[in-house]
Amino acid sequence: MRLIPLIRSFRDSHGPDSLPDRQIRDLYARERERALDAAALAEILAPLLIEQLSKGLPGALHPPPLTSDARPSPASPRASAGAPEIADLLDGMLAQENAPAAGRTHRRP
């Protein structure tokens, strides 16, 4: 749903001065600044997160070989150097989750 019809509806219900244009401009400016801050923070934190994941989860970057019951994923070109892609990290995490854990003590119902 678009914001302009909502603003129009709010003003129709509560009066034209209930939501001044200046207040709407201020809200847009603050939200735009918050989005830009979040994007900048993500650019800073993403490499750090990848580095920490690669240190803490050794199998995350190089998943174990597929077992006979696992389906291979479609081949995709991957960079041989540099930071791993998000898909690589997710593949590694899923492979660890699906791998039989040695000494697992919980039982499934």
PDB file of N, CA and C in Angstrom:
ATOM      1  N   MET A   1       0.835  -1.177   0.000  1.00  0.00           N
ATOM      2  CA  MET A   1       0.000   0.000   0.000  1.00  0.00           C
ATOM      3  C   MET A   1       0.886   1.249   0.000  1.00  0.00           C
ATOM      4  N   ARG A   2       0.497   2.212  -0.745  1.00  0.00           N
ATOM      5  CA  ARG A   2       1.271   3.447  -0.861  1.00  0.00           C
ATOM      6  C   ARG A   2       0.990   4.371   0.312  1.00  0.00           C
ATOM      7  N   LEU A   3       1.951   5.204   0.632  1.00  0.00           N
ATOM      8  CA  LEU A   3       1.831   6.096   1.780  1.00  0.00           C
ATOM      9  C   LEU A   3       0.918   7.289   1.502  1.00  0.00           C
ATOM     10  N   ILE A   4       0.954   7.822   0.308  1.00  0.00           N
ATOM     11  CA  ILE A   4       0.169   9.025  -0.003  1.00  0.00           C
ATOM     12  C   ILE A   4      -1.327   8.798   0.217  1.00  0.00           C
ATOM     13  N   PRO A   5      -1.914   7.687  -0.251  1.00  0.00           N
ATOM     14  CA  PRO A   5      -3.345   7.481   0.046  1.00  0.00           C
ATOM     15  C   PRO A   5      -3.626   7.350   1.553  1.00  0.00           C
ATOM     16  N   LEU A   6      -2.692   6.784   2.288  1.00  0.00           N
ATOM     17  CA  LEU A   6      -2.873   6.671   3.733  1.00  0.00           C
ATOM     18  C   LEU A   6      -2.855   8.047   4.397  1.00  0.00           C
ATOM     19  N   ILE A   7      -1.938   8.895   3.965  1.00  0.00           N
ATOM     20  CA  ILE A   7      -1.869  10.256   4.499  1.00  0.00           C
ATOM     21  C   ILE A   7      -3.159  11.005   4.174  1.00  0.00           C
ATOM     22  N   ARG A   8      -3.619  10.892   2.949  1.00  0.00           N
ATOM     23  CA  ARG A   8      -4.848  11.553   2.518  1.00  0.00           C
ATOM     24  C   ARG A   8      -6.031  11.071   3.366  1.00  0.00           C
ATOM     25  N   SER A   9      -6.103   9.765   3.570  1.00  0.00           N
ATOM     26  CA  SER A   9      -7.187   9.197   4.381  1.00  0.00           C
ATOM     27  C   SER A   9      -7.109   9.698   5.825  1.00  0.00           C
ATOM     28  N   PHE A  10      -5.896   9.748   6.393  1.00  0.00           N
ATOM     29  CA  PHE A  10      -5.722  10.237   7.758  1.00  0.00           C
ATOM     30  C   PHE A  10      -6.169  11.691   7.865  1.00  0.00           C
ATOM     31  N   ARG A  11      -5.765  12.510   6.889  1.00  0.00           N
ATOM     32  CA  ARG A  11      -6.156  13.922   6.903  1.00  0.00           C
ATOM     33  C   ARG A  11      -7.660  14.088   6.723  1.00  0.00           C
ATOM     34  N   ASP A  12      -8.271  13.255   5.885  1.00  0.00           N
ATOM     35  CA  ASP A  12      -9.727  13.323   5.707  1.00  0.00           C
ATOM     36  C   ASP A  12     -10.449  13.000   7.011  1.00  0.00           C
ATOM     37  N   SER A  13      -9.916  12.053   7.766  1.00  0.00           N
ATOM     38  CA  SER A  13     -10.554  11.637   9.013  1.00  0.00           C
ATOM     39  C   SER A  13     -10.275  12.589  10.172  1.00  0.00           C
ATOM     40  N   HIS A  14      -9.095  13.175  10.216  1.00  0.00           N
ATOM     41  CA  HIS A  14      -8.681  13.956  11.376  1.00  0.00           C
ATOM     42  C   HIS A  14      -8.478  15.446  11.093  1.00  0.00           C
ATOM     43  N   GLY A  15      -8.720  15.868   9.899  1.00  0.00           N
ATOM     44  CA  GLY A  15      -8.551  17.280   9.554  1.00  0.00           C
ATOM     45  C   GLY A  15      -7.258  17.499   8.800  1.00  0.00           C
ATOM     46  N   PRO A  16      -7.236  18.505   7.920  1.00  0.00           N
ATOM     47  CA  PRO A  16      -6.067  18.752   7.067  1.00  0.00           C
ATOM     48  C   PRO A  16      -4.815  19.162   7.840  1.00  0.00           C
ATOM     49  N   ASP A  17      -4.978  19.737   9.034  1.00  0.00           N
ATOM     50  CA  ASP A  17      -3.813  20.163   9.813  1.00  0.00           C
ATOM     51  C   ASP A  17      -3.303  19.068  10.755  1.00  0.00           C
ATOM     52  N   SER A  18      -3.914  17.888  10.711  1.00  0.00           N
ATOM     53  CA  SER A  18      -3.528  16.821  11.636  1.00  0.00           C
ATOM     54  C   SER A  18      -2.147  16.249  11.329  1.00  0.00           C
ATOM     55  N   LEU A  19      -1.729  16.335  10.077  1.00  0.00           N
ATOM     56  CA  LEU A  19      -0.422  15.809   9.670  1.00  0.00           C
ATOM     57  C   LEU A  19       0.193  16.785   8.670  1.00  0.00           C
ATOM     58  N   PRO A  20       0.910  17.793   9.185  1.00  0.00           N
ATOM     59  CA  PRO A  20       1.472  18.824   8.301  1.00  0.00           C
ATOM     60  C   PRO A  20       2.531  18.269   7.345  1.00  0.00           C
ATOM     61  N   ASP A  21       2.652  18.904   6.186  1.00  0.00           N
ATOM     62  CA  ASP A  21       3.658  18.497   5.194  1.00  0.00           C
ATOM     63  C   ASP A  21       5.065  18.535   5.772  1.00  0.00           C
ATOM     64  N   ARG A  22       5.360  19.534   6.616  1.00  0.00           N
ATOM     65  CA  ARG A  22       6.679  19.645   7.231  1.00  0.00           C
ATOM     66  C   ARG A  22       6.995  18.399   8.057  1.00  0.00           C
ATOM     67  N   GLN A  23       6.015  17.908   8.794  1.00  0.00           N
ATOM     68  CA  GLN A  23       6.224  16.709   9.623  1.00  0.00           C
ATOM     69  C   GLN A  23       6.486  15.485   8.736  1.00  0.00           C
ATOM     70  N   ILE A  24       5.790  15.384   7.640  1.00  0.00           N
ATOM     71  CA  ILE A  24       5.991  14.260   6.712  1.00  0.00           C
ATOM     72  C   ILE A  24       7.380  14.327   6.092  1.00  0.00           C
ATOM     73  N   ARG A  25       7.814  15.530   5.682  1.00  0.00           N
ATOM     74  CA  ARG A  25       9.161  15.695   5.125  1.00  0.00           C
ATOM     75  C   ARG A  25      10.228  15.315   6.146  1.00  0.00           C
ATOM     76  N   ASP A  26      10.004  15.724   7.400  1.00  0.00           N
ATOM     77  CA  ASP A  26      10.954  15.377   8.464  1.00  0.00           C
ATOM     78  C   ASP A  26      11.026  13.863   8.667  1.00  0.00           C
ATOM     79  N   LEU A  27       9.863  13.210   8.642  1.00  0.00           N
ATOM     80  CA  LEU A  27       9.838  11.752   8.798  1.00  0.00           C
ATOM     81  C   LEU A  27      10.568  11.060   7.653  1.00  0.00           C
ATOM     82  N   TYR A  28      10.309  11.505   6.432  1.00  0.00           N
ATOM     83  CA  TYR A  28      11.008  10.933   5.276  1.00  0.00           C
ATOM     84  C   TYR A  28      12.519  11.113   5.413  1.00  0.00           C
ATOM     85  N   ALA A  29      12.950  12.310   5.804  1.00  0.00           N
ATOM     86  CA  ALA A  29      14.382  12.585   5.932  1.00  0.00           C
ATOM     87  C   ALA A  29      15.012  11.702   6.993  1.00  0.00           C
ATOM     88  N   ARG A  30      14.341  11.536   8.137  1.00  0.00           N
ATOM     89  CA  ARG A  30      14.894  10.680   9.200  1.00  0.00           C
ATOM     90  C   ARG A  30      14.955   9.222   8.763  1.00  0.00           C
ATOM     91  N   GLU A  31      13.926   8.741   8.107  1.00  0.00           N
ATOM     92  CA  GLU A  31      13.920   7.349   7.660  1.00  0.00           C
ATOM     93  C   GLU A  31      14.962   7.112   6.573  1.00  0.00           C
ATOM     94  N   ARG A  32      15.139   8.080   5.700  1.00  0.00           N
ATOM     95  CA  ARG A  32      16.175   7.945   4.667  1.00  0.00           C
ATOM     96  C   ARG A  32      17.554   7.881   5.328  1.00  0.00           C
ATOM     97  N   GLU A  33      17.778   8.727   6.325  1.00  0.00           N
ATOM     98  CA  GLU A  33      19.059   8.721   7.032  1.00  0.00           C
ATOM     99  C   GLU A  33      19.268   7.393   7.767  1.00  0.00           C
ATOM    100  N   ARG A  34      18.215   6.865   8.374  1.00  0.00           N
ATOM    101  CA  ARG A  34      18.326   5.573   9.054  1.00  0.00           C
ATOM    102  C   ARG A  34      18.666   4.457   8.074  1.00  0.00           C
ATOM    103  N   ALA A  35      18.049   4.498   6.882  1.00  0.00           N
ATOM    104  CA  ALA A  35      18.331   3.471   5.875  1.00  0.00           C
ATOM    105  C   ALA A  35      19.779   3.572   5.385  1.00  0.00           C
ATOM    106  N   LEU A  36      20.258   4.793   5.193  1.00  0.00           N
ATOM    107  CA  LEU A  36      21.645   4.979   4.768  1.00  0.00           C
ATOM    108  C   LEU A  36      22.621   4.514   5.853  1.00  0.00           C
ATOM    109  N   ASP A  37      22.296   4.809   7.116  1.00  0.00           N
ATOM    110  CA  ASP A  37      23.137   4.343   8.224  1.00  0.00           C
ATOM    111  C   ASP A  37      23.169   2.824   8.281  1.00  0.00           C
ATOM    112  N   ALA A  38      22.016   2.202   8.086  1.00  0.00           N
ATOM    113  CA  ALA A  38      21.954   0.741   8.121  1.00  0.00           C
ATOM    114  C   ALA A  38      22.771   0.134   6.981  1.00  0.00           C
ATOM    115  N   ALA A  39      22.696   0.728   5.806  1.00  0.00           N
ATOM    116  CA  ALA A  39      23.473   0.221   4.670  1.00  0.00           C
ATOM    117  C   ALA A  39      24.968   0.361   4.923  1.00  0.00           C
ATOM    118  N   ALA A  40      25.370   1.498   5.484  1.00  0.00           N
ATOM    119  CA  ALA A  40      26.796   1.703   5.779  1.00  0.00           C
ATOM    120  C   ALA A  40      27.267   0.716   6.841  1.00  0.00           C
ATOM    121  N   LEU A  41      26.455   0.503   7.858  1.00  0.00           N
ATOM    122  CA  LEU A  41      26.808  -0.451   8.906  1.00  0.00           C
ATOM    123  C   LEU A  41      26.926  -1.868   8.343  1.00  0.00           C
ATOM    124  N   ALA A  42      26.026  -2.226   7.447  1.00  0.00           N
ATOM    125  CA  ALA A  42      26.090  -3.552   6.824  1.00  0.00           C
ATOM    126  C   ALA A  42      27.366  -3.724   6.016  1.00  0.00           C
ATOM    127  N   GLU A  43      27.793  -2.679   5.317  1.00  0.00           N
ATOM    128  CA  GLU A  43      29.034  -2.757   4.544  1.00  0.00           C
ATOM    129  C   GLU A  43      30.242  -2.958   5.445  1.00  0.00           C
ATOM    130  N   ILE A  44      30.187  -2.377   6.631  1.00  0.00           N
ATOM    131  CA  ILE A  44      31.298  -2.529   7.570  1.00  0.00           C
ATOM    132  C   ILE A  44      31.263  -3.894   8.244  1.00  0.00           C
ATOM    133  N   LEU A  45      30.079  -4.313   8.666  1.00  0.00           N
ATOM    134  CA  LEU A  45      29.967  -5.537   9.454  1.00  0.00           C
ATOM    135  C   LEU A  45      30.010  -6.823   8.634  1.00  0.00           C
ATOM    136  N   ALA A  46      29.583  -6.787   7.393  1.00  0.00           N
ATOM    137  CA  ALA A  46      29.539  -8.012   6.586  1.00  0.00           C
ATOM    138  C   ALA A  46      30.907  -8.680   6.473  1.00  0.00           C
ATOM    139  N   PRO A  47      31.973  -7.971   6.120  1.00  0.00           N
ATOM    140  CA  PRO A  47      33.290  -8.633   6.054  1.00  0.00           C
ATOM    141  C   PRO A  47      33.745  -9.171   7.414  1.00  0.00           C
ATOM    142  N   LEU A  48      33.433  -8.438   8.484  1.00  0.00           N
ATOM    143  CA  LEU A  48      33.806  -8.908   9.818  1.00  0.00           C
ATOM    144  C   LEU A  48      33.049 -10.173  10.187  1.00  0.00           C
ATOM    145  N   LEU A  49      31.772 -10.214   9.837  1.00  0.00           N
ATOM    146  CA  LEU A  49      30.963 -11.395  10.106  1.00  0.00           C
ATOM    147  C   LEU A  49      31.472 -12.594   9.312  1.00  0.00           C
ATOM    148  N   ILE A  50      31.797 -12.387   8.078  1.00  0.00           N
ATOM    149  CA  ILE A  50      32.336 -13.466   7.251  1.00  0.00           C
ATOM    150  C   ILE A  50      33.644 -13.986   7.852  1.00  0.00           C
ATOM    151  N   GLU A  51      34.489 -13.066   8.293  1.00  0.00           N
ATOM    152  CA  GLU A  51      35.754 -13.468   8.902  1.00  0.00           C
ATOM    153  C   GLU A  51      35.512 -14.290  10.171  1.00  0.00           C
ATOM    154  N   GLN A  52      34.603 -13.844  11.008  1.00  0.00           N
ATOM    155  CA  GLN A  52      34.316 -14.562  12.250  1.00  0.00           C
ATOM    156  C   GLN A  52      33.700 -15.929  11.966  1.00  0.00           C
ATOM    157  N   LEU A  53      32.806 -15.994  10.992  1.00  0.00           N
ATOM    158  CA  LEU A  53      32.198 -17.273  10.640  1.00  0.00           C
ATOM    159  C   LEU A  53      33.240 -18.250  10.106  1.00  0.00           C
ATOM    160  N   SER A  54      34.168 -17.747   9.333  1.00  0.00           N
ATOM    161  CA  SER A  54      35.184 -18.640   8.773  1.00  0.00           C
ATOM    162  C   SER A  54      36.118 -19.159   9.858  1.00  0.00           C
ATOM    163  N   LYS A  55      36.327 -18.377  10.913  1.00  0.00           N
ATOM    164  CA  LYS A  55      37.170 -18.832  12.019  1.00  0.00           C
ATOM    165  C   LYS A  55      36.413 -19.795  12.934  1.00  0.00           C
ATOM    166  N   GLY A  56      35.153 -19.480  13.221  1.00  0.00           N
ATOM    167  CA  GLY A  56      34.381 -20.263  14.175  1.00  0.00           C
ATOM    168  C   GLY A  56      33.749 -21.503  13.590  1.00  0.00           C
ATOM    169  N   LEU A  57      33.493 -21.515  12.305  1.00  0.00           N
ATOM    170  CA  LEU A  57      32.853 -22.643  11.648  1.00  0.00           C
ATOM    171  C   LEU A  57      33.743 -23.128  10.512  1.00  0.00           C
ATOM    172  N   PRO A  58      34.719 -23.975  10.800  1.00  0.00           N
ATOM    173  CA  PRO A  58      35.656 -24.372   9.751  1.00  0.00           C
ATOM    174  C   PRO A  58      34.973 -25.046   8.565  1.00  0.00           C
ATOM    175  N   GLY A  59      33.901 -25.746   8.769  1.00  0.00           N
ATOM    176  CA  GLY A  59      33.217 -26.413   7.660  1.00  0.00           C
ATOM    177  C   GLY A  59      32.326 -25.494   6.867  1.00  0.00           C
ATOM    178  N   ALA A  60      32.136 -24.268   7.360  1.00  0.00           N
ATOM    179  CA  ALA A  60      31.224 -23.353   6.681  1.00  0.00           C
ATOM    180  C   ALA A  60      31.746 -22.944   5.310  1.00  0.00           C
ATOM    181  N   LEU A  61      33.057 -22.828   5.184  1.00  0.00           N
ATOM    182  CA  LEU A  61      33.605 -22.412   3.906  1.00  0.00           C
ATOM    183  C   LEU A  61      33.817 -23.576   2.956  1.00  0.00           C
ATOM    184  N   HIS A  62      34.017 -24.763   3.490  1.00  0.00           N
ATOM    185  CA  HIS A  62      34.241 -25.948   2.674  1.00  0.00           C
ATOM    186  C   HIS A  62      33.347 -27.060   3.204  1.00  0.00           C
ATOM    187  N   PRO A  63      32.117 -27.169   2.671  1.00  0.00           N
ATOM    188  CA  PRO A  63      31.195 -28.173   3.179  1.00  0.00           C
ATOM    189  C   PRO A  63      31.737 -29.583   2.953  1.00  0.00           C
ATOM    190  N   PRO A  64      31.352 -30.521   3.820  1.00  0.00           N
ATOM    191  CA  PRO A  64      31.809 -31.894   3.650  1.00  0.00           C
ATOM    192  C   PRO A  64      31.243 -32.488   2.366  1.00  0.00           C
ATOM    193  N   PRO A  65      31.844 -33.564   1.865  1.00  0.00           N
ATOM    194  CA  PRO A  65      31.346 -34.183   0.640  1.00  0.00           C
ATOM    195  C   PRO A  65      29.902 -34.621   0.805  1.00  0.00           C
ATOM    196  N   LEU A  66      29.183 -34.600  -0.289  1.00  0.00           N
ATOM    197  CA  LEU A  66      27.784 -35.002  -0.268  1.00  0.00           C
ATOM    198  C   LEU A  66      27.651 -36.496  -0.004  1.00  0.00           C
ATOM    199  N   THR A  67      26.635 -36.831   0.772  1.00  0.00           N
ATOM    200  CA  THR A  67      26.344 -38.241   1.007  1.00  0.00           C
ATOM    201  C   THR A  67      25.396 -38.727  -0.076  1.00  0.00           C
ATOM    202  N   SER A  68      25.144 -39.999  -0.103  1.00  0.00           N
ATOM    203  CA  SER A  68      24.310 -40.558  -1.167  1.00  0.00           C
ATOM    204  C   SER A  68      22.878 -40.053  -1.106  1.00  0.00           C
ATOM    205  N   ASP A  69      22.396 -39.652   0.101  1.00  0.00           N
ATOM    206  CA  ASP A  69      21.006 -39.197   0.194  1.00  0.00           C
ATOM    207  C   ASP A  69      20.869 -37.696  -0.049  1.00  0.00           C
ATOM    208  N   ALA A  70      21.970 -36.992  -0.219  1.00  0.00           N
ATOM    209  CA  ALA A  70      21.913 -35.556  -0.469  1.00  0.00           C
ATOM    210  C   ALA A  70      21.893 -35.291  -1.964  1.00  0.00           C
ATOM    211  N   ARG A  71      21.141 -34.260  -2.340  1.00  0.00           N
ATOM    212  CA  ARG A  71      21.085 -33.887  -3.744  1.00  0.00           C
ATOM    213  C   ARG A  71      22.135 -32.838  -4.028  1.00  0.00           C
ATOM    214  N   PRO A  72      22.887 -32.984  -5.099  1.00  0.00           N
ATOM    215  CA  PRO A  72      23.874 -31.949  -5.427  1.00  0.00           C
ATOM    216  C   PRO A  72      23.169 -30.678  -5.875  1.00  0.00           C
ATOM    217  N   SER A  73      23.761 -29.543  -5.553  1.00  0.00           N
ATOM    218  CA  SER A  73      23.197 -28.278  -6.001  1.00  0.00           C
ATOM    219  C   SER A  73      23.692 -28.000  -7.414  1.00  0.00           C
ATOM    220  N   PRO A  74      22.954 -27.191  -8.166  1.00  0.00           N
ATOM    221  CA  PRO A  74      23.401 -26.881  -9.522  1.00  0.00           C
ATOM    222  C   PRO A  74      24.757 -26.194  -9.491  1.00  0.00           C
ATOM    223  N   ALA A  75      25.556 -26.489 -10.486  1.00  0.00           N
ATOM    224  CA  ALA A  75      26.901 -25.904 -10.546  1.00  0.00           C
ATOM    225  C   ALA A  75      26.782 -24.416 -10.803  1.00  0.00           C
ATOM    226  N   SER A  76      27.576 -23.640 -10.078  1.00  0.00           N
ATOM    227  CA  SER A  76      27.596 -22.209 -10.299  1.00  0.00           C
ATOM    228  C   SER A  76      29.042 -21.747 -10.245  1.00  0.00           C
ATOM    229  N   PRO A  77      29.369 -20.737 -11.040  1.00  0.00           N
ATOM    230  CA  PRO A  77      30.743 -20.243 -11.003  1.00  0.00           C
ATOM    231  C   PRO A  77      31.010 -19.582  -9.664  1.00  0.00           C
ATOM    232  N   ARG A  78      32.154 -19.891  -9.075  1.00  0.00           N
ATOM    233  CA  ARG A  78      32.517 -19.317  -7.780  1.00  0.00           C
ATOM    234  C   ARG A  78      33.909 -18.739  -7.878  1.00  0.00           C
ATOM    235  N   ALA A  79      34.106 -17.668  -7.162  1.00  0.00           N
ATOM    236  CA  ALA A  79      35.431 -17.044  -7.140  1.00  0.00           C
ATOM    237  C   ALA A  79      36.372 -17.920  -6.340  1.00  0.00           C
ATOM    238  N   SER A  80      37.576 -18.083  -6.832  1.00  0.00           N
ATOM    239  CA  SER A  80      38.528 -18.945  -6.139  1.00  0.00           C
ATOM    240  C   SER A  80      39.258 -18.205  -5.032  1.00  0.00           C
ATOM    241  N   ALA A  81      39.260 -16.885  -5.056  1.00  0.00           N
ATOM    242  CA  ALA A  81      39.954 -16.116  -4.028  1.00  0.00           C
ATOM    243  C   ALA A  81      39.004 -15.059  -3.489  1.00  0.00           C
ATOM    244  N   GLY A  82      39.340 -14.505  -2.331  1.00  0.00           N
ATOM    245  CA  GLY A  82      38.529 -13.443  -1.750  1.00  0.00           C
ATOM    246  C   GLY A  82      37.521 -13.988  -0.766  1.00  0.00           C
ATOM    247  N   ALA A  83      36.646 -13.131  -0.346  1.00  0.00           N
ATOM    248  CA  ALA A  83      35.643 -13.490   0.659  1.00  0.00           C
ATOM    249  C   ALA A  83      34.619 -14.447   0.063  1.00  0.00           C
ATOM    250  N   PRO A  84      34.140 -15.398   0.870  1.00  0.00           N
ATOM    251  CA  PRO A  84      33.123 -16.314   0.361  1.00  0.00           C
ATOM    252  C   PRO A  84      31.802 -15.578   0.158  1.00  0.00           C
ATOM    253  N   GLU A  85      30.999 -16.103  -0.723  1.00  0.00           N
ATOM    254  CA  GLU A  85      29.701 -15.516  -0.961  1.00  0.00           C
ATOM    255  C   GLU A  85      28.723 -16.026   0.092  1.00  0.00           C
ATOM    256  N   ILE A  86      27.636 -15.308   0.258  1.00  0.00           N
ATOM    257  CA  ILE A  86      26.617 -15.682   1.236  1.00  0.00           C
ATOM    258  C   ILE A  86      26.107 -17.090   0.942  1.00  0.00           C
ATOM    259  N   ALA A  87      25.921 -17.421  -0.320  1.00  0.00           N
ATOM    260  CA  ALA A  87      25.424 -18.752  -0.682  1.00  0.00           C
ATOM    261  C   ALA A  87      26.387 -19.833  -0.199  1.00  0.00           C
ATOM    262  N   ASP A  88      27.681 -19.571  -0.292  1.00  0.00           N
ATOM    263  CA  ASP A  88      28.670 -20.538   0.179  1.00  0.00           C
ATOM    264  C   ASP A  88      28.550 -20.749   1.686  1.00  0.00           C
ATOM    265  N   LEU A  89      28.379 -19.645   2.419  1.00  0.00           N
ATOM    266  CA  LEU A  89      28.240 -19.757   3.867  1.00  0.00           C
ATOM    267  C   LEU A  89      26.978 -20.533   4.241  1.00  0.00           C
ATOM    268  N   LEU A  90      25.885 -20.238   3.551  1.00  0.00           N
ATOM    269  CA  LEU A  90      24.632 -20.947   3.840  1.00  0.00           C
ATOM    270  C   LEU A  90      24.745 -22.425   3.496  1.00  0.00           C
ATOM    271  N   ASP A  91      25.383 -22.739   2.371  1.00  0.00           N
ATOM    272  CA  ASP A  91      25.585 -24.143   2.004  1.00  0.00           C
ATOM    273  C   ASP A  91      26.369 -24.874   3.083  1.00  0.00           C
ATOM    274  N   GLY A  92      27.415 -24.243   3.588  1.00  0.00           N
ATOM    275  CA  GLY A  92      28.232 -24.855   4.628  1.00  0.00           C
ATOM    276  C   GLY A  92      27.442 -25.085   5.912  1.00  0.00           C
ATOM    277  N   MET A  93      26.634 -24.085   6.290  1.00  0.00           N
ATOM    278  CA  MET A  93      25.835 -24.226   7.503  1.00  0.00           C
ATOM    279  C   MET A  93      24.811 -25.342   7.355  1.00  0.00           C
ATOM    280  N   LEU A  94      24.163 -25.411   6.200  1.00  0.00           N
ATOM    281  CA  LEU A  94      23.175 -26.472   5.970  1.00  0.00           C
ATOM    282  C   LEU A  94      23.837 -27.843   5.944  1.00  0.00           C
ATOM    283  N   ALA A  95      25.025 -27.928   5.365  1.00  0.00           N
ATOM    284  CA  ALA A  95      25.729 -29.205   5.315  1.00  0.00           C
ATOM    285  C   ALA A  95      26.070 -29.677   6.724  1.00  0.00           C
ATOM    286  N   GLN A  96      26.486 -28.749   7.586  1.00  0.00           N
ATOM    287  CA  GLN A  96      26.794 -29.121   8.971  1.00  0.00           C
ATOM    288  C   GLN A  96      25.541 -29.537   9.716  1.00  0.00           C
ATOM    289  N   GLU A  97      24.456 -28.850   9.437  1.00  0.00           N
ATOM    290  CA  GLU A  97      23.199 -29.176  10.116  1.00  0.00           C
ATOM    291  C   GLU A  97      22.688 -30.548   9.703  1.00  0.00           C
ATOM    292  N   ASN A  98      22.862 -30.890   8.441  1.00  0.00           N
ATOM    293  CA  ASN A  98      22.361 -32.168   7.927  1.00  0.00           C
ATOM    294  C   ASN A  98      23.312 -33.329   8.174  1.00  0.00           C
ATOM    295  N   ALA A  99      24.575 -33.032   8.480  1.00  0.00           N
ATOM    296  CA  ALA A  99      25.557 -34.093   8.722  1.00  0.00           C
ATOM    297  C   ALA A  99      25.247 -34.773  10.054  1.00  0.00           C
ATOM    298  N   PRO A 100      25.408 -36.092  10.133  1.00  0.00           N
ATOM    299  CA  PRO A 100      25.164 -36.765  11.408  1.00  0.00           C
ATOM    300  C   PRO A 100      26.179 -36.299  12.438  1.00  0.00           C
ATOM    301  N   ALA A 101      25.686 -35.882  13.595  1.00  0.00           N
ATOM    302  CA  ALA A 101      26.561 -35.381  14.652  1.00  0.00           C
ATOM    303  C   ALA A 101      27.039 -36.532  15.513  1.00  0.00           C
ATOM    304  N   ALA A 102      28.341 -36.573  15.749  1.00  0.00           N
ATOM    305  CA  ALA A 102      28.900 -37.616  16.605  1.00  0.00           C
ATOM    306  C   ALA A 102      28.546 -37.317  18.045  1.00  0.00           C
ATOM    307  N   GLY A 103      28.045 -38.295  18.735  1.00  0.00           N
ATOM    308  CA  GLY A 103      27.728 -38.134  20.146  1.00  0.00           C
ATOM    309  C   GLY A 103      26.466 -37.341  20.401  1.00  0.00           C
ATOM    310  N   ARG A 104      25.584 -37.254  19.441  1.00  0.00           N
ATOM    311  CA  ARG A 104      24.342 -36.525  19.640  1.00  0.00           C
ATOM    312  C   ARG A 104      23.502 -37.255  20.672  1.00  0.00           C
ATOM    313  N   THR A 105      23.032 -36.538  21.683  1.00  0.00           N
ATOM    314  CA  THR A 105      22.322 -37.184  22.768  1.00  0.00           C
ATOM    315  C   THR A 105      20.817 -36.948  22.748  1.00  0.00           C
ATOM    316  N   HIS A 106      20.352 -35.978  21.982  1.00  0.00           N
ATOM    317  CA  HIS A 106      18.908 -35.762  22.003  1.00  0.00           C
ATOM    318  C   HIS A 106      18.216 -36.720  21.048  1.00  0.00           C
ATOM    319  N   ARG A 107      16.986 -37.013  21.362  1.00  0.00           N
ATOM    320  CA  ARG A 107      16.215 -37.951  20.543  1.00  0.00           C
ATOM    321  C   ARG A 107      15.073 -37.191  19.883  1.00  0.00           C
ATOM    322  N   ARG A 108      14.763 -37.606  18.701  1.00  0.00           N
ATOM    323  CA  ARG A 108      13.631 -37.009  18.000  1.00  0.00           C
ATOM    324  C   ARG A 108      12.376 -37.775  18.355  1.00  0.00           C
ATOM    325  N   PRO A 109      11.262 -37.055  18.529  1.00  0.00           N
ATOM    326  CA  PRO A 109       9.997 -37.744  18.891  1.00  0.00           C
ATOM    327  C   PRO A 109       9.475 -38.608  17.777  1.00  0.00           C
TER     328      PRO A 109
END
